[in-house]
C-alpha atoms as a PDB file:
ATOM      1  CA  MET A   1      14.842   3.003 -63.194  1.00  0.00           C
ATOM      2  CA  ASP A   2      11.555   4.058 -64.729  1.00  0.00           C
ATOM      3  CA  MET A   3      10.145   7.413 -65.828  1.00  0.00           C
ATOM      4  CA  LEU A   4      10.691  10.770 -64.144  1.00  0.00           C
ATOM      5  CA  GLU A   5       7.901  11.989 -61.875  1.00  0.00           C
ATOM      6  CA  VAL A   6       9.015  15.640 -61.836  1.00  0.00           C
ATOM      7  CA  GLY A   7       5.994  17.878 -62.356  1.00  0.00           C
ATOM      8  CA  ASN A   8       3.347  15.185 -61.806  1.00  0.00           C
ATOM      9  CA  THR A   9       1.688  17.150 -59.020  1.00  0.00           C
ATOM     10  CA  GLY A  10      -1.526  15.418 -57.993  1.00  0.00           C
ATOM     11  CA  GLN A  11      -1.341  12.994 -60.929  1.00  0.00           C
ATOM     12  CA  GLY A  12      -0.267   9.419 -61.479  1.00  0.00           C
ATOM     13  CA  ASP A  13      -0.751   6.206 -59.574  1.00  0.00           C
ATOM     14  CA  PRO A  14       0.088   6.596 -56.785  1.00  0.00           C
ATOM     15  CA  ILE A  15      -0.621  10.307 -56.858  1.00  0.00           C
ATOM     16  CA  GLY A  16       2.598  12.315 -56.893  1.00  0.00           C
ATOM     17  CA  ASN A  17       3.071  15.549 -55.002  1.00  0.00           C
ATOM     18  CA  LEU A  18       6.805  16.210 -54.942  1.00  0.00           C
ATOM     19  CA  THR A  19       8.091  19.428 -53.423  1.00  0.00           C
ATOM     20  CA  ILE A  20      10.547  21.440 -55.544  1.00  0.00           C
ATOM     21  CA  ASP A  21      13.433  20.075 -53.456  1.00  0.00           C
ATOM     22  CA  GLU A  22      12.168  16.510 -53.851  1.00  0.00           C
ATOM     23  CA  ALA A  23      11.775  17.033 -57.605  1.00  0.00           C
ATOM     24  CA  LYS A  24      15.381  18.265 -57.859  1.00  0.00           C
ATOM     25  CA  SER A  25      16.558  15.275 -55.811  1.00  0.00           C
ATOM     26  CA  HIS A  26      14.570  12.875 -57.964  1.00  0.00           C
ATOM     27  CA  PHE A  27      15.880  14.352 -61.227  1.00  0.00           C
ATOM     28  CA  THR A  28      19.463  14.511 -59.939  1.00  0.00           C
ATOM     29  CA  ALA A  29      19.481  10.904 -58.730  1.00  0.00           C
ATOM     30  CA  TRP A  30      17.914   9.664 -61.982  1.00  0.00           C
ATOM     31  CA  ALA A  31      20.431  11.549 -64.109  1.00  0.00           C
ATOM     32  CA  LEU A  32      23.585  10.806 -62.103  1.00  0.00           C
ATOM     33  CA  LEU A  33      22.673   7.132 -61.855  1.00  0.00           C
ATOM     34  CA  LYS A  34      22.680   7.256 -65.682  1.00  0.00           C
ATOM     35  CA  SER A  35      19.039   6.322 -66.069  1.00  0.00           C
ATOM     36  CA  PRO A  36      17.210   7.360 -69.252  1.00  0.00           C
ATOM     37  CA  LEU A  37      15.521  10.716 -68.713  1.00  0.00           C
ATOM     38  CA  PHE A  38      11.991   9.798 -69.817  1.00  0.00           C
ATOM     39  CA  ILE A  39       9.596  12.582 -68.859  1.00  0.00           C
ATOM     40  CA  SER A  40       6.177  11.327 -67.772  1.00  0.00           C
ATOM     41  CA  LYS A  41       4.600  14.783 -67.526  1.00  0.00           C
ATOM     42  CA  ASN A  42       2.430  16.421 -70.163  1.00  0.00           C
ATOM     43  CA  LEU A  43       4.938  19.209 -70.932  1.00  0.00           C
ATOM     44  CA  PRO A  44       2.451  21.874 -72.101  1.00  0.00           C
ATOM     45  CA  ASN A  45       0.834  21.582 -68.647  1.00  0.00           C
ATOM     46  CA  ALA A  46       4.135  21.556 -66.718  1.00  0.00           C
ATOM     47  CA  THR A  47       4.943  24.382 -64.357  1.00  0.00           C
ATOM     48  CA  GLU A  48       7.899  26.632 -65.135  1.00  0.00           C
ATOM     49  CA  GLU A  49       9.683  25.166 -62.096  1.00  0.00           C
ATOM     50  CA  ALA A  50       9.281  21.625 -63.453  1.00  0.00           C
ATOM     51  CA  ARG A  51      10.537  22.719 -66.891  1.00  0.00           C
ATOM     52  CA  GLU A  52      13.607  24.350 -65.326  1.00  0.00           C
ATOM     53  CA  ILE A  53      14.405  21.150 -63.439  1.00  0.00           C
ATOM     54  CA  HIS A  54      14.075  19.083 -66.629  1.00  0.00           C
ATOM     55  CA  LYS A  55      16.351  21.519 -68.511  1.00  0.00           C
ATOM     56  CA  ASN A  56      19.301  21.701 -66.076  1.00  0.00           C
ATOM     57  CA  PRO A  57      22.215  21.623 -68.557  1.00  0.00           C
ATOM     58  CA  ASP A  58      24.855  20.660 -65.990  1.00  0.00           C
ATOM     59  CA  ILE A  59      22.936  17.616 -64.764  1.00  0.00           C
ATOM     60  CA  ILE A  60      21.964  16.564 -68.296  1.00  0.00           C
ATOM     61  CA  LYS A  61      25.534  16.749 -69.620  1.00  0.00           C
ATOM     62  CA  ILE A  62      26.713  14.372 -66.877  1.00  0.00           C
ATOM     63  CA  ASN A  63      23.879  11.973 -67.692  1.00  0.00           C
ATOM     64  CA  GLN A  64      24.707  12.161 -71.418  1.00  0.00           C
ATOM     65  CA  ASP A  65      28.525  12.088 -70.954  1.00  0.00           C
ATOM     66  CA  PRO A  66      29.938  10.626 -74.184  1.00  0.00           C
ATOM     67  CA  ASN A  67      33.091   9.291 -72.476  1.00  0.00           C
ATOM     68  CA  VAL A  68      32.062   8.063 -69.026  1.00  0.00           C
ATOM     69  CA  GLY A  69      29.109   5.693 -68.879  1.00  0.00           C
ATOM     70  CA  GLU A  70      29.253   4.493 -65.289  1.00  0.00           C
ATOM     71  CA  SER A  71      26.949   5.955 -62.716  1.00  0.00           C
ATOM     72  CA  ILE A  72      27.873   7.435 -59.373  1.00  0.00           C
ATOM     73  CA  ALA A  73      28.115   5.038 -56.426  1.00  0.00           C
ATOM     74  CA  PRO A  74      27.821   5.435 -52.660  1.00  0.00           C
ATOM     75  CA  PHE A  75      31.014   6.223 -50.788  1.00  0.00           C
ATOM     76  CA  ARG A  76      29.361   6.441 -47.373  1.00  0.00           C
ATOM     77  CA  TRP A  77      26.189   4.682 -46.268  1.00  0.00           C
ATOM     78  CA  GLY A  78      23.592   6.074 -43.926  1.00  0.00           C
ATOM     79  CA  TYR A  79      23.973   8.828 -41.369  1.00  0.00           C
ATOM     80  CA  ASP A  80      24.838   6.892 -38.224  1.00  0.00           C
ATOM     81  CA  LEU A  81      28.588   7.481 -38.006  1.00  0.00           C
ATOM     82  CA  PRO A  82      30.946   5.822 -37.339  1.00  0.00           C
ATOM     83  CA  ASP A  83      29.238   2.593 -38.469  1.00  0.00           C
ATOM     84  CA  ASN A  84      28.043   4.004 -41.811  1.00  0.00           C
ATOM     85  CA  VAL A  85      25.381   1.339 -42.208  1.00  0.00           C
ATOM     86  CA  SER A  86      22.433   1.584 -44.531  1.00  0.00           C
ATOM     87  CA  ASN A  87      18.887   0.925 -43.504  1.00  0.00           C
ATOM     88  CA  ALA A  88      15.472   1.233 -45.095  1.00  0.00           C
ATOM     89  CA  THR A  89      14.791   4.576 -43.418  1.00  0.00           C
ATOM     90  CA  HIS A  90      18.066   6.370 -44.222  1.00  0.00           C
ATOM     91  CA  LEU A  91      19.540   5.083 -47.448  1.00  0.00           C
ATOM     92  CA  ALA A  92      22.904   6.051 -48.915  1.00  0.00           C
ATOM     93  CA  GLN A  93      23.270   9.817 -48.762  1.00  0.00           C
ATOM     94  CA  TYR A  94      26.843  10.325 -50.044  1.00  0.00           C
ATOM     95  CA  TRP A  95      27.668   9.421 -53.664  1.00  0.00           C
ATOM     96  CA  SER A  96      30.520  10.105 -56.086  1.00  0.00           C
ATOM     97  CA  GLY A  97      31.880   9.087 -59.474  1.00  0.00           C
ATOM     98  CA  ASN A  98      33.830  10.218 -62.491  1.00  0.00           C
ATOM     99  CA  SER A  99      32.706  12.252 -65.462  1.00  0.00           C
ATOM    100  CA  SER A 100      34.374  14.013 -68.365  1.00  0.00           C
ATOM    101  CA  TYR A 101      33.603  17.280 -66.570  1.00  0.00           C
ATOM    102  CA  GLY A 102      35.100  16.486 -63.157  1.00  0.00           C
ATOM    103  CA  ILE A 103      34.450  14.303 -60.158  1.00  0.00           C
ATOM    104  CA  VAL A 104      30.728  14.198 -59.407  1.00  0.00           C
ATOM    105  CA  PHE A 105      29.362  14.277 -55.866  1.00  0.00           C
ATOM    106  CA  MET A 106      25.717  13.897 -54.924  1.00  0.00           C
ATOM    107  CA  LEU A 107      24.619  14.523 -51.339  1.00  0.00           C
ATOM    108  CA  LEU A 108      21.047  13.496 -50.636  1.00  0.00           C
ATOM    109  CA  ASN A 109      19.207  14.510 -47.474  1.00  0.00           C
ATOM    110  CA  THR A 110      16.813  11.635 -46.779  1.00  0.00           C
ATOM    111  CA  LEU A 111      15.604  13.197 -43.532  1.00  0.00           C
ATOM    112  CA  ASP A 112      12.402  15.181 -42.970  1.00  0.00           C
ATOM    113  CA  VAL A 113      14.412  18.065 -41.452  1.00  0.00           C
ATOM    114  CA  PRO A 114      17.217  20.303 -42.759  1.00  0.00           C
ATOM    115  CA  GLN A 115      20.632  18.705 -42.422  1.00  0.00           C
ATOM    116  CA  ASP A 116      24.271  19.839 -42.523  1.00  0.00           C
ATOM    117  CA  MET A 117      26.030  17.223 -44.616  1.00  0.00           C
ATOM    118  CA  PHE A 118      29.787  16.908 -44.177  1.00  0.00           C
ATOM    119  CA  PHE A 119      32.388  14.664 -45.776  1.00  0.00           C
ATOM    120  CA  ASN A 120      36.138  14.490 -46.152  1.00  0.00           C
ATOM    121  CA  LEU A 121      37.169  14.522 -49.798  1.00  0.00           C
ATOM    122  CA  THR A 122      39.321  11.415 -49.556  1.00  0.00           C
ATOM    123  CA  GLU A 123      36.362   9.328 -48.398  1.00  0.00           C
ATOM    124  CA  SER A 124      35.667   9.090 -52.138  1.00  0.00           C
ATOM    125  CA  TRP A 125      37.928   6.813 -54.150  1.00  0.00           C
ATOM    126  CA  ALA A 126      37.959   9.398 -56.970  1.00  0.00           C
ATOM    127  CA  ILE A 127      39.841  12.093 -55.002  1.00  0.00           C
ATOM    128  CA  ARG A 128      43.622  12.469 -54.761  1.00  0.00           C
ATOM    129  CA  SER A 129      44.693  13.512 -51.276  1.00  0.00           C
ATOM    130  CA  GLY A 130      46.690  16.682 -50.760  1.00  0.00           C
ATOM    131  CA  ARG A 131      45.192  18.382 -53.828  1.00  0.00           C
ATOM    132  CA  LEU A 132      43.066  21.506 -54.063  1.00  0.00           C
ATOM    133  CA  TYR A 133      39.701  21.144 -55.788  1.00  0.00           C
ATOM    134  CA  ASP A 134      37.458  23.773 -57.372  1.00  0.00           C
ATOM    135  CA  VAL A 135      33.824  23.121 -56.395  1.00  0.00           C
ATOM    136  CA  TYR A 136      31.043  23.817 -58.924  1.00  0.00           C
ATOM    137  CA  ASP A 137      27.385  23.647 -57.852  1.00  0.00           C
ATOM    138  CA  THR A 138      25.308  22.182 -60.705  1.00  0.00           C
ATOM    139  CA  TRP A 139      22.025  23.618 -59.388  1.00  0.00           C
ATOM    140  CA  ALA A 140      23.266  27.136 -58.633  1.00  0.00           C
ATOM    141  CA  HIS A 141      25.523  27.029 -61.744  1.00  0.00           C
ATOM    142  CA  THR A 142      28.311  28.691 -59.788  1.00  0.00           C
ATOM    143  CA  ASN A 143      31.841  27.957 -58.664  1.00  0.00           C
ATOM    144  CA  ASN A 144      31.438  27.999 -54.897  1.00  0.00           C
ATOM    145  CA  ARG A 145      34.940  27.640 -53.543  1.00  0.00           C
ATOM    146  CA  THR A 146      38.252  25.841 -53.652  1.00  0.00           C
ATOM    147  CA  THR A 147      38.753  23.180 -51.003  1.00  0.00           C
ATOM    148  CA  LEU A 148      41.537  20.954 -49.745  1.00  0.00           C
ATOM    149  CA  ARG A 149      40.045  18.657 -47.129  1.00  0.00           C
ATOM    150  CA  ASN A 150      36.278  18.595 -46.778  1.00  0.00           C
ATOM    151  CA  ILE A 151      32.917  19.988 -47.797  1.00  0.00           C
ATOM    152  CA  THR A 152      29.849  20.871 -45.758  1.00  0.00           C
ATOM    153  CA  VAL A 153      26.510  21.775 -47.332  1.00  0.00           C
ATOM    154  CA  THR A 154      23.192  22.548 -45.662  1.00  0.00           C
ATOM    155  CA  LEU A 155      20.280  20.853 -47.374  1.00  0.00           C
ATOM    156  CA  PRO A 156      16.536  21.259 -46.868  1.00  0.00           C
ATOM    157  CA  PRO A 157      14.383  18.204 -46.104  1.00  0.00           C
ATOM    158  CA  HIS A 158      14.692  15.740 -49.000  1.00  0.00           C
ATOM    159  CA  GLY A 159      17.067  18.166 -50.749  1.00  0.00           C
ATOM    160  CA  VAL A 160      20.095  17.449 -52.886  1.00  0.00           C
ATOM    161  CA  ALA A 161      23.479  18.917 -53.743  1.00  0.00           C
ATOM    162  CA  ALA A 162      25.178  17.934 -56.987  1.00  0.00           C
ATOM    163  CA  LEU A 163      28.773  19.133 -57.151  1.00  0.00           C
ATOM    164  CA  LEU A 164      31.523  18.875 -59.757  1.00  0.00           C
ATOM    165  CA  LEU A 165      35.063  18.968 -58.394  1.00  0.00           C
ATOM    166  CA  ASN A 166      38.067  19.673 -60.591  1.00  0.00           C
ATOM    167  CA  ASP A 167      41.706  19.443 -59.602  1.00  0.00           C
ATOM    168  CA  ALA A 168      43.094  22.934 -58.931  1.00  0.00           C
ATOM    169  CA  GLY A 169      46.684  21.890 -58.252  1.00  0.00           C
ATOM    170  CA  PRO A 170      48.725  20.828 -55.266  1.00  0.00           C
ATOM    171  CA  GLY A 171      47.633  21.962 -51.838  1.00  0.00           C
ATOM    172  CA  PRO A 172      49.935  23.691 -49.374  1.00  0.00           C
ATOM    173  CA  GLU A 173      52.280  21.602 -47.285  1.00  0.00           C
ATOM    174  CA  PRO A 174      50.451  20.425 -44.146  1.00  0.00           C
ATOM    175  CA  ALA A 175      53.011  22.105 -41.868  1.00  0.00           C
ATOM    176  CA  ALA A 176      52.181  25.474 -43.446  1.00  0.00           C
ATOM    177  CA  LEU A 177      48.597  24.976 -42.238  1.00  0.00           C
ATOM    178  CA  GLY A 178      49.674  23.769 -38.811  1.00  0.00           C
ATOM    179  CA  LEU A 179      48.452  20.271 -39.670  1.00  0.00           C
ATOM    180  CA  SER A 180      50.026  16.830 -39.749  1.00  0.00           C
ATOM    181  CA  TYR A 181      50.384  14.715 -42.876  1.00  0.00           C
ATOM    182  CA  CYS A 182      47.845  12.382 -41.341  1.00  0.00           C
ATOM    183  CA  ALA A 183      45.219  15.134 -41.250  1.00  0.00           C
ATOM    184  CA  ILE A 184      45.700  16.040 -44.933  1.00  0.00           C
ATOM    185  CA  TYR A 185      46.918  13.011 -46.856  1.00  0.00           C
ATOM    186  CA  TRP A 186      45.565   9.988 -45.043  1.00  0.00           C
ATOM    187  CA  GLN A 187      42.443  11.374 -43.355  1.00  0.00           C
ATOM    188  CA  CYS A 188      43.304   9.475 -40.162  1.00  0.00           C
ATOM    189  CA  THR A 189      40.569   8.922 -37.605  1.00  0.00           C
ATOM    190  CA  TRP A 190      40.474   8.719 -33.842  1.00  0.00           C
ATOM    191  CA  PRO A 191      38.995   5.562 -32.246  1.00  0.00           C
ATOM    192  CA  ASN A 192      35.626   7.348 -31.921  1.00  0.00           C
ATOM    193  CA  GLY A 193      35.463   7.836 -35.709  1.00  0.00           C
ATOM    194  CA  THR A 194      36.227  11.564 -35.841  1.00  0.00           C
ATOM    195  CA  TYR A 195      38.933  12.764 -38.227  1.00  0.00           C
ATOM    196  CA  TYR A 196      42.246  14.204 -37.102  1.00  0.00           C
ATOM    197  CA  SER A 197      42.069  17.964 -37.264  1.00  0.00           C
ATOM    198  CA  ASN A 198      45.833  18.487 -36.985  1.00  0.00           C
END
């Protein structure tokens, strides 16, 4: 990929006018796909918001990871469940991969409206089923929660979530939660594509 367009408001060819959410999405995708972070903006003229995006230490450390060089990859294509197909309008929105700092997830809202984005952890090849995971938000710089089965985030139009998950130990036995092993360990689905809830 080429140079970053973050902060090029009204400049460039074609003229760029990214919203703050689009700029965060652009920077996150560039960094987590392990592209070089070449800034194309005249930094003395950059807004404080653009500088803060360029300086996100959590995103940069994943990009510059000294031990893991591969980028994230899609684990679910598109938004039209259960087929999960990609198309030119709604590209891959769910990505994951490894890093020295945890398992990386990027959720990208490609729609022009806010969207609740949901996934089961074991949809990603990097997750071990039946484990608890601590969830760290790389844009809020906070540990949000510990989860066992799934994550839902609400994203603005063209927004992004970049999460680091770290193993927090074994989860409770499914029976203690009133769930079947299929609901926890194998993420079984019904014929209509929905996941078992118990």
